[in-house]
N, C-alpha and C. Protein backbone atom coordinates (compact mmCIF):
# COMPACT_ATOMS: atom_id res chain seq x y z
N MET A 1 0.84 -1.19 0.00
CA MET A 1 0.00 0.00 0.00
C MET A 1 0.88 1.24 0.00
N LEU A 2 0.53 2.16 -0.86
CA LEU A 2 1.15 3.48 -0.89
C LEU A 2 0.08 4.51 -0.57
N ILE A 3 0.40 5.41 0.33
CA ILE A 3 -0.47 6.56 0.58
C ILE A 3 0.40 7.79 0.39
N VAL A 4 -0.13 8.76 -0.31
CA VAL A 4 0.61 9.97 -0.61
C VAL A 4 -0.06 11.15 0.06
N SER A 5 0.76 11.95 0.73
CA SER A 5 0.29 13.14 1.42
C SER A 5 0.83 14.38 0.71
N THR A 6 -0.04 15.34 0.47
CA THR A 6 0.34 16.59 -0.16
C THR A 6 0.20 17.70 0.88
N LEU A 7 1.28 18.42 1.10
CA LEU A 7 1.32 19.50 2.07
C LEU A 7 1.40 20.82 1.33
N ALA A 8 0.52 21.74 1.69
CA ALA A 8 0.53 23.07 1.07
C ALA A 8 0.38 24.12 2.16
N GLU A 9 1.16 25.18 2.05
CA GLU A 9 0.99 26.29 2.97
C GLU A 9 -0.30 27.01 2.63
N VAL A 10 -0.95 27.56 3.65
CA VAL A 10 -2.24 28.22 3.46
C VAL A 10 -2.17 29.27 2.35
N ARG A 11 -1.09 30.01 2.29
CA ARG A 11 -0.99 31.09 1.30
C ARG A 11 -0.95 30.59 -0.15
N HIS A 12 -0.69 29.29 -0.36
CA HIS A 12 -0.63 28.73 -1.71
C HIS A 12 -1.85 27.89 -2.10
N ILE A 13 -2.73 27.64 -1.16
CA ILE A 13 -3.83 26.71 -1.41
C ILE A 13 -4.77 27.19 -2.51
N GLN A 14 -5.24 28.42 -2.43
CA GLN A 14 -6.22 28.90 -3.41
C GLN A 14 -5.67 28.87 -4.83
N GLN A 15 -4.43 29.34 -5.00
CA GLN A 15 -3.83 29.34 -6.33
C GLN A 15 -3.65 27.92 -6.85
N SER A 16 -3.21 27.02 -5.98
CA SER A 16 -3.03 25.62 -6.39
C SER A 16 -4.36 25.01 -6.82
N ARG A 17 -5.41 25.28 -6.06
CA ARG A 17 -6.74 24.77 -6.43
C ARG A 17 -7.17 25.30 -7.79
N LYS A 18 -6.93 26.57 -8.02
CA LYS A 18 -7.33 27.20 -9.28
C LYS A 18 -6.59 26.56 -10.46
N VAL A 19 -5.29 26.35 -10.30
CA VAL A 19 -4.48 25.72 -11.35
C VAL A 19 -4.97 24.30 -11.62
N LEU A 20 -5.25 23.56 -10.57
CA LEU A 20 -5.71 22.18 -10.73
C LEU A 20 -7.08 22.13 -11.40
N GLN A 21 -7.98 22.98 -11.00
CA GLN A 21 -9.31 22.99 -11.60
C GLN A 21 -9.24 23.32 -13.10
N ALA A 22 -8.29 24.16 -13.47
CA ALA A 22 -8.13 24.52 -14.88
C ALA A 22 -7.63 23.33 -15.71
N GLN A 23 -7.07 22.33 -15.07
CA GLN A 23 -6.55 21.15 -15.77
C GLN A 23 -7.64 20.12 -16.08
N ARG A 24 -8.82 20.28 -15.51
CA ARG A 24 -9.89 19.32 -15.78
C ARG A 24 -10.30 19.40 -17.25
N ALA A 25 -10.58 18.27 -17.81
CA ALA A 25 -11.12 18.24 -19.18
C ALA A 25 -12.59 18.65 -19.13
N LYS A 26 -13.11 19.05 -20.27
CA LYS A 26 -14.51 19.48 -20.33
C LYS A 26 -15.41 18.36 -19.80
N GLY A 27 -16.29 18.73 -18.89
CA GLY A 27 -17.22 17.77 -18.32
C GLY A 27 -16.71 17.02 -17.10
N GLN A 28 -15.42 17.14 -16.80
CA GLN A 28 -14.87 16.46 -15.62
C GLN A 28 -15.16 17.28 -14.37
N ASN A 29 -15.49 16.60 -13.27
CA ASN A 29 -15.62 17.31 -12.01
C ASN A 29 -14.40 17.10 -11.12
N ARG A 30 -13.46 16.30 -11.63
CA ARG A 30 -12.20 16.05 -10.93
C ARG A 30 -11.20 15.42 -11.89
N ILE A 31 -9.95 15.39 -11.46
CA ILE A 31 -8.93 14.64 -12.20
C ILE A 31 -8.74 13.32 -11.47
N HIS A 32 -8.90 12.23 -12.17
CA HIS A 32 -8.64 10.90 -11.62
C HIS A 32 -7.60 10.27 -12.53
N PHE A 33 -6.38 10.18 -12.03
CA PHE A 33 -5.24 9.85 -12.86
C PHE A 33 -5.38 8.52 -13.57
N LYS A 34 -5.97 7.56 -12.92
CA LYS A 34 -6.14 6.23 -13.51
C LYS A 34 -6.97 6.29 -14.79
N LYS A 35 -7.86 7.27 -14.89
CA LYS A 35 -8.77 7.35 -16.03
C LYS A 35 -8.28 8.28 -17.13
N GLU A 36 -7.14 8.91 -16.95
CA GLU A 36 -6.62 9.84 -17.97
C GLU A 36 -5.79 9.06 -18.99
N ASP A 37 -5.68 9.60 -20.21
CA ASP A 37 -4.78 8.98 -21.18
C ASP A 37 -3.36 9.52 -20.94
N ASP A 38 -2.39 8.87 -21.55
CA ASP A 38 -0.99 9.20 -21.27
C ASP A 38 -0.62 10.64 -21.61
N SER A 39 -1.14 11.19 -22.70
CA SER A 39 -0.78 12.57 -23.03
C SER A 39 -1.32 13.54 -21.98
N ARG A 40 -2.53 13.30 -21.49
CA ARG A 40 -3.07 14.14 -20.40
C ARG A 40 -2.28 13.93 -19.12
N ARG A 41 -1.89 12.70 -18.86
CA ARG A 41 -1.08 12.44 -17.65
C ARG A 41 0.22 13.23 -17.70
N ARG A 42 0.88 13.23 -18.85
CA ARG A 42 2.13 13.98 -18.98
C ARG A 42 1.91 15.47 -18.74
N ALA A 43 0.86 16.01 -19.32
CA ALA A 43 0.55 17.43 -19.15
C ALA A 43 0.21 17.75 -17.69
N ILE A 44 -0.54 16.89 -17.08
CA ILE A 44 -0.91 17.11 -15.67
C ILE A 44 0.32 17.04 -14.79
N CYS A 45 1.20 16.08 -15.02
CA CYS A 45 2.44 15.98 -14.24
C CYS A 45 3.25 17.27 -14.35
N SER A 46 3.36 17.80 -15.55
CA SER A 46 4.09 19.06 -15.74
C SER A 46 3.46 20.18 -14.93
N THR A 47 2.15 20.24 -14.93
CA THR A 47 1.45 21.27 -14.17
C THR A 47 1.64 21.07 -12.67
N LEU A 48 1.56 19.83 -12.22
CA LEU A 48 1.74 19.55 -10.79
C LEU A 48 3.09 20.06 -10.29
N CYS A 49 4.10 19.92 -11.13
CA CYS A 49 5.45 20.33 -10.73
C CYS A 49 5.60 21.84 -10.62
N THR A 50 4.60 22.60 -11.05
CA THR A 50 4.64 24.06 -10.90
C THR A 50 3.98 24.51 -9.61
N LEU A 51 3.30 23.62 -8.93
CA LEU A 51 2.57 23.98 -7.71
C LEU A 51 3.51 24.13 -6.52
N GLU A 52 3.10 24.98 -5.59
CA GLU A 52 3.85 25.17 -4.34
C GLU A 52 3.35 24.16 -3.32
N VAL A 53 3.72 22.90 -3.52
CA VAL A 53 3.31 21.82 -2.62
C VAL A 53 4.52 20.93 -2.34
N GLN A 54 4.42 20.20 -1.26
CA GLN A 54 5.42 19.19 -0.92
C GLN A 54 4.68 17.87 -0.76
N VAL A 55 5.28 16.82 -1.26
CA VAL A 55 4.62 15.52 -1.25
C VAL A 55 5.49 14.51 -0.50
N THR A 56 4.82 13.74 0.35
CA THR A 56 5.48 12.63 1.03
C THR A 56 4.78 11.35 0.63
N VAL A 57 5.57 10.35 0.30
CA VAL A 57 5.04 9.03 -0.04
C VAL A 57 5.24 8.12 1.17
N TYR A 58 4.17 7.52 1.62
CA TYR A 58 4.21 6.57 2.74
C TYR A 58 4.09 5.19 2.12
N ASP A 59 5.18 4.45 2.19
CA ASP A 59 5.28 3.16 1.53
C ASP A 59 5.12 2.04 2.55
N ALA A 60 3.95 1.43 2.53
CA ALA A 60 3.67 0.32 3.44
C ALA A 60 3.52 -0.98 2.65
N THR A 61 4.22 -1.07 1.52
CA THR A 61 4.10 -2.26 0.67
C THR A 61 4.63 -3.51 1.36
N GLY A 62 5.45 -3.33 2.39
CA GLY A 62 5.98 -4.47 3.12
C GLY A 62 5.04 -5.02 4.18
N ILE A 63 3.92 -4.36 4.40
CA ILE A 63 2.94 -4.80 5.39
C ILE A 63 1.82 -5.53 4.64
N ARG A 64 1.64 -6.79 4.95
CA ARG A 64 0.67 -7.61 4.20
C ARG A 64 -0.78 -7.27 4.50
N ASP A 65 -1.07 -6.98 5.74
CA ASP A 65 -2.44 -6.69 6.14
C ASP A 65 -2.81 -5.26 5.74
N ALA A 66 -3.83 -5.10 4.88
CA ALA A 66 -4.19 -3.78 4.35
C ALA A 66 -4.62 -2.82 5.45
N ALA A 67 -5.39 -3.31 6.42
CA ALA A 67 -5.84 -2.43 7.51
C ALA A 67 -4.66 -1.96 8.34
N GLU A 68 -3.74 -2.85 8.62
CA GLU A 68 -2.54 -2.49 9.38
C GLU A 68 -1.68 -1.50 8.60
N ALA A 69 -1.56 -1.71 7.30
CA ALA A 69 -0.78 -0.80 6.46
C ALA A 69 -1.40 0.60 6.46
N ARG A 70 -2.71 0.67 6.31
CA ARG A 70 -3.38 1.97 6.29
C ARG A 70 -3.23 2.67 7.65
N THR A 71 -3.41 1.93 8.72
CA THR A 71 -3.24 2.50 10.06
C THR A 71 -1.83 3.05 10.23
N GLY A 72 -0.84 2.30 9.79
CA GLY A 72 0.55 2.77 9.89
C GLY A 72 0.78 4.04 9.09
N CYS A 73 0.23 4.10 7.89
CA CYS A 73 0.39 5.29 7.04
C CYS A 73 -0.29 6.50 7.66
N LEU A 74 -1.53 6.35 8.09
CA LEU A 74 -2.24 7.49 8.67
C LEU A 74 -1.57 7.99 9.94
N THR A 75 -1.07 7.07 10.75
CA THR A 75 -0.37 7.46 11.98
C THR A 75 0.91 8.22 11.63
N ALA A 76 1.64 7.75 10.64
CA ALA A 76 2.86 8.44 10.21
C ALA A 76 2.55 9.83 9.65
N ILE A 77 1.44 9.96 8.93
CA ILE A 77 1.05 11.26 8.39
C ILE A 77 0.78 12.23 9.54
N VAL A 78 0.05 11.79 10.55
CA VAL A 78 -0.23 12.67 11.69
C VAL A 78 1.07 13.03 12.41
N GLU A 79 1.96 12.08 12.55
CA GLU A 79 3.26 12.36 13.17
C GLU A 79 4.00 13.45 12.40
N ASP A 80 4.05 13.33 11.08
CA ASP A 80 4.74 14.32 10.26
C ASP A 80 4.04 15.67 10.30
N MET A 81 2.71 15.65 10.30
CA MET A 81 1.98 16.92 10.37
C MET A 81 2.19 17.60 11.72
N ALA A 82 2.28 16.82 12.77
CA ALA A 82 2.54 17.39 14.09
C ALA A 82 3.90 18.08 14.10
N ALA A 83 4.90 17.42 13.51
CA ALA A 83 6.25 17.99 13.46
C ALA A 83 6.31 19.26 12.61
N ALA A 84 5.47 19.31 11.57
CA ALA A 84 5.47 20.45 10.66
C ALA A 84 4.52 21.57 11.09
N GLY A 85 3.77 21.33 12.16
CA GLY A 85 2.81 22.34 12.60
C GLY A 85 1.56 22.39 11.73
N GLY A 86 1.25 21.28 11.07
CA GLY A 86 0.07 21.22 10.21
C GLY A 86 -1.21 21.46 10.99
N ARG A 87 -2.18 22.07 10.33
CA ARG A 87 -3.44 22.44 10.98
C ARG A 87 -4.64 21.64 10.48
N ARG A 88 -4.58 21.15 9.25
CA ARG A 88 -5.74 20.49 8.66
C ARG A 88 -5.30 19.32 7.79
N LEU A 89 -5.90 18.18 8.02
CA LEU A 89 -5.63 16.98 7.26
C LEU A 89 -6.92 16.57 6.55
N THR A 90 -6.85 16.51 5.23
CA THR A 90 -7.99 16.09 4.43
C THR A 90 -7.65 14.77 3.78
N ILE A 91 -8.52 13.80 3.97
CA ILE A 91 -8.30 12.45 3.46
C ILE A 91 -9.39 12.14 2.44
N GLU A 92 -8.98 11.51 1.33
CA GLU A 92 -9.97 11.12 0.33
C GLU A 92 -10.94 10.13 0.94
N GLN A 93 -12.21 10.44 0.79
CA GLN A 93 -13.25 9.64 1.42
C GLN A 93 -13.51 8.34 0.68
N ASP A 94 -13.35 7.25 1.41
CA ASP A 94 -13.77 5.92 0.97
C ASP A 94 -14.73 5.47 2.06
N ASP A 95 -16.00 5.40 1.73
CA ASP A 95 -17.02 5.15 2.75
C ASP A 95 -16.75 3.89 3.57
N SER A 96 -16.11 2.90 2.97
CA SER A 96 -15.85 1.66 3.69
C SER A 96 -14.72 1.80 4.71
N LEU A 97 -13.97 2.91 4.64
CA LEU A 97 -12.82 3.09 5.54
C LEU A 97 -12.97 4.25 6.52
N VAL A 98 -14.01 5.04 6.39
CA VAL A 98 -14.14 6.25 7.21
C VAL A 98 -14.13 5.92 8.70
N HIS A 99 -14.90 4.93 9.11
CA HIS A 99 -14.99 4.59 10.54
C HIS A 99 -13.63 4.18 11.10
N SER A 100 -12.94 3.27 10.42
CA SER A 100 -11.63 2.83 10.93
C SER A 100 -10.60 3.96 10.85
N ASP A 101 -10.68 4.80 9.80
CA ASP A 101 -9.77 5.95 9.71
C ASP A 101 -9.97 6.88 10.90
N ARG A 102 -11.21 7.15 11.24
CA ARG A 102 -11.49 8.06 12.36
C ARG A 102 -10.93 7.51 13.66
N ARG A 103 -11.05 6.21 13.87
CA ARG A 103 -10.47 5.60 15.08
C ARG A 103 -8.96 5.80 15.09
N THR A 104 -8.33 5.53 13.94
CA THR A 104 -6.87 5.68 13.84
C THR A 104 -6.45 7.13 14.07
N LEU A 105 -7.15 8.06 13.44
CA LEU A 105 -6.79 9.47 13.56
C LEU A 105 -7.03 9.99 14.97
N TYR A 106 -8.10 9.55 15.60
CA TYR A 106 -8.39 9.95 16.97
C TYR A 106 -7.22 9.56 17.88
N ALA A 107 -6.75 8.33 17.72
CA ALA A 107 -5.62 7.86 18.54
C ALA A 107 -4.33 8.60 18.19
N ALA A 108 -4.11 8.84 16.91
CA ALA A 108 -2.84 9.46 16.48
C ALA A 108 -2.73 10.91 16.92
N VAL A 109 -3.80 11.68 16.83
CA VAL A 109 -3.69 13.09 17.24
C VAL A 109 -3.45 13.19 18.74
N ARG A 110 -3.90 12.23 19.50
CA ARG A 110 -3.62 12.22 20.94
C ARG A 110 -2.19 11.74 21.21
N LYS A 111 -1.78 10.73 20.49
CA LYS A 111 -0.42 10.22 20.65
C LYS A 111 0.63 11.30 20.40
N PHE A 112 0.40 12.14 19.39
CA PHE A 112 1.37 13.18 19.03
C PHE A 112 0.98 14.55 19.58
N ASP A 113 0.02 14.56 20.49
CA ASP A 113 -0.38 15.76 21.24
C ASP A 113 -0.78 16.92 20.34
N VAL A 114 -1.58 16.63 19.33
CA VAL A 114 -2.08 17.68 18.43
C VAL A 114 -3.61 17.67 18.32
N ALA A 115 -4.27 17.07 19.31
CA ALA A 115 -5.73 16.98 19.27
C ALA A 115 -6.38 18.36 19.25
N ASP A 116 -5.73 19.35 19.84
CA ASP A 116 -6.30 20.71 19.89
C ASP A 116 -5.91 21.56 18.68
N THR A 117 -4.94 21.10 17.89
CA THR A 117 -4.43 21.96 16.81
C THR A 117 -4.58 21.37 15.41
N LEU A 118 -4.76 20.06 15.30
CA LEU A 118 -4.87 19.42 13.99
C LEU A 118 -6.28 18.88 13.78
N ALA A 119 -6.97 19.46 12.81
CA ALA A 119 -8.30 18.98 12.45
C ALA A 119 -8.16 18.01 11.28
N TYR A 120 -9.01 17.01 11.24
CA TYR A 120 -8.99 16.07 10.13
C TYR A 120 -10.41 15.85 9.63
N GLU A 121 -10.50 15.58 8.33
CA GLU A 121 -11.79 15.38 7.70
C GLU A 121 -11.63 14.49 6.47
N HIS A 122 -12.71 13.84 6.10
CA HIS A 122 -12.77 13.08 4.86
C HIS A 122 -13.57 13.91 3.86
N MET A 123 -13.09 13.96 2.63
CA MET A 123 -13.80 14.67 1.57
C MET A 123 -13.73 13.85 0.29
N ARG A 124 -14.71 14.02 -0.52
CA ARG A 124 -14.69 13.39 -1.84
C ARG A 124 -13.73 14.18 -2.73
N PRO A 125 -13.09 13.52 -3.68
CA PRO A 125 -12.09 14.20 -4.52
C PRO A 125 -12.64 15.38 -5.32
N ASN A 126 -13.91 15.36 -5.66
CA ASN A 126 -14.45 16.49 -6.40
C ASN A 126 -14.66 17.71 -5.50
N GLN A 127 -14.50 17.53 -4.18
CA GLN A 127 -14.65 18.64 -3.23
C GLN A 127 -13.32 19.33 -2.92
N GLU A 128 -12.21 18.64 -3.10
CA GLU A 128 -10.90 19.20 -2.76
C GLU A 128 -9.88 18.86 -3.83
N PRO A 129 -9.58 19.82 -4.71
CA PRO A 129 -8.64 19.57 -5.81
C PRO A 129 -7.24 19.14 -5.36
N LEU A 130 -6.80 19.53 -4.19
CA LEU A 130 -5.45 19.12 -3.78
C LEU A 130 -5.35 17.60 -3.58
N LEU A 131 -6.48 16.93 -3.40
CA LEU A 131 -6.45 15.47 -3.34
C LEU A 131 -5.99 14.87 -4.66
N TRP A 132 -6.18 15.61 -5.75
CA TRP A 132 -5.79 15.12 -7.08
C TRP A 132 -4.28 15.00 -7.18
N VAL A 133 -3.56 15.84 -6.46
CA VAL A 133 -2.10 15.77 -6.47
C VAL A 133 -1.66 14.42 -5.91
N SER A 134 -2.20 14.09 -4.74
CA SER A 134 -1.84 12.82 -4.11
C SER A 134 -2.21 11.62 -4.98
N ASP A 135 -3.38 11.68 -5.61
CA ASP A 135 -3.83 10.61 -6.50
C ASP A 135 -2.84 10.43 -7.66
N ALA A 136 -2.46 11.54 -8.28
CA ALA A 136 -1.56 11.48 -9.43
C ALA A 136 -0.19 10.96 -9.03
N VAL A 137 0.35 11.46 -7.93
CA VAL A 137 1.68 11.03 -7.50
C VAL A 137 1.66 9.56 -7.10
N ALA A 138 0.62 9.12 -6.42
CA ALA A 138 0.52 7.70 -6.04
C ALA A 138 0.51 6.82 -7.29
N TRP A 139 -0.25 7.21 -8.29
CA TRP A 139 -0.31 6.44 -9.53
C TRP A 139 1.07 6.38 -10.18
N CYS A 140 1.73 7.53 -10.27
CA CYS A 140 3.05 7.60 -10.93
C CYS A 140 4.10 6.79 -10.18
N VAL A 141 4.09 6.87 -8.86
CA VAL A 141 5.06 6.11 -8.06
C VAL A 141 4.81 4.61 -8.23
N ALA A 142 3.55 4.20 -8.21
CA ALA A 142 3.23 2.78 -8.38
C ALA A 142 3.64 2.28 -9.76
N LYS A 143 3.46 3.11 -10.80
CA LYS A 143 3.86 2.72 -12.16
C LYS A 143 5.37 2.67 -12.31
N GLY A 144 6.06 3.58 -11.64
CA GLY A 144 7.53 3.61 -11.70
C GLY A 144 8.05 4.16 -13.01
N GLY A 145 9.34 3.97 -13.25
CA GLY A 145 9.98 4.38 -14.49
C GLY A 145 9.84 5.86 -14.79
N ASP A 146 9.50 6.17 -16.03
CA ASP A 146 9.38 7.56 -16.45
C ASP A 146 8.27 8.28 -15.69
N TRP A 147 7.21 7.57 -15.32
CA TRP A 147 6.13 8.22 -14.57
C TRP A 147 6.64 8.69 -13.21
N ARG A 148 7.42 7.85 -12.56
CA ARG A 148 7.98 8.25 -11.27
C ARG A 148 8.90 9.47 -11.45
N ARG A 149 9.72 9.44 -12.48
CA ARG A 149 10.63 10.55 -12.74
C ARG A 149 9.87 11.87 -12.92
N ARG A 150 8.73 11.80 -13.54
CA ARG A 150 7.94 13.01 -13.81
C ARG A 150 7.45 13.70 -12.53
N VAL A 151 7.24 12.94 -11.46
CA VAL A 151 6.76 13.54 -10.21
C VAL A 151 7.84 13.67 -9.15
N ASP A 152 9.04 13.20 -9.44
CA ASP A 152 10.13 13.31 -8.47
C ASP A 152 10.33 14.72 -7.92
N PRO A 153 10.21 15.78 -8.74
CA PRO A 153 10.42 17.12 -8.18
C PRO A 153 9.43 17.49 -7.06
N LEU A 154 8.30 16.82 -7.01
CA LEU A 154 7.31 17.10 -5.97
C LEU A 154 7.60 16.37 -4.66
N ILE A 155 8.27 15.22 -4.76
CA ILE A 155 8.44 14.34 -3.62
C ILE A 155 9.60 14.81 -2.75
N THR A 156 9.24 15.18 -1.51
CA THR A 156 10.26 15.63 -0.57
C THR A 156 10.74 14.51 0.34
N GLN A 157 9.93 13.47 0.47
CA GLN A 157 10.29 12.36 1.35
C GLN A 157 9.54 11.10 0.97
N VAL A 158 10.20 9.96 1.12
CA VAL A 158 9.55 8.66 1.02
C VAL A 158 9.79 7.99 2.38
N ARG A 159 8.70 7.71 3.07
CA ARG A 159 8.80 7.03 4.37
C ARG A 159 8.40 5.58 4.19
N LYS A 160 9.37 4.71 4.35
CA LYS A 160 9.13 3.27 4.26
C LYS A 160 8.69 2.80 5.65
N LEU A 161 7.50 2.22 5.72
CA LEU A 161 6.99 1.75 6.99
C LEU A 161 7.33 0.28 7.16
N PRO A 162 7.66 -0.09 8.36
CA PRO A 162 8.07 -1.48 8.60
C PRO A 162 6.95 -2.48 8.37
């Protein structure tokens, strides 16, 4: 399992959203990298690299149990956000995972003593364009090769989870 976190300073969020929304094809309400053709993927990658964002890849591919891998990734994200002074964590909503995610996040914000300063929420991808960055980078990292190279400028850290 790979989970990708995109960090943006508040002062860059609106502009990044605007740039991402402009990349949608006619009739699209979001960018979903898996459904794009290669020429659009290349163009989107180029645009992503112009954004003022930092991306961390949480690599839990060594953990066989999917629930355990997700818990480890979410906990590591909260740990990193606590260290960075992050204020808001938005997670792509998967209705089958919301309940377990909330349990994990509840425990993690207390473990890293940020329950009063870090808010977390689940949103659908069409509600938050910055989720598209994480989706695209995750796809590119999983594909590897030239796709990985295209998003390397965005990736500030890869955290391999045990």
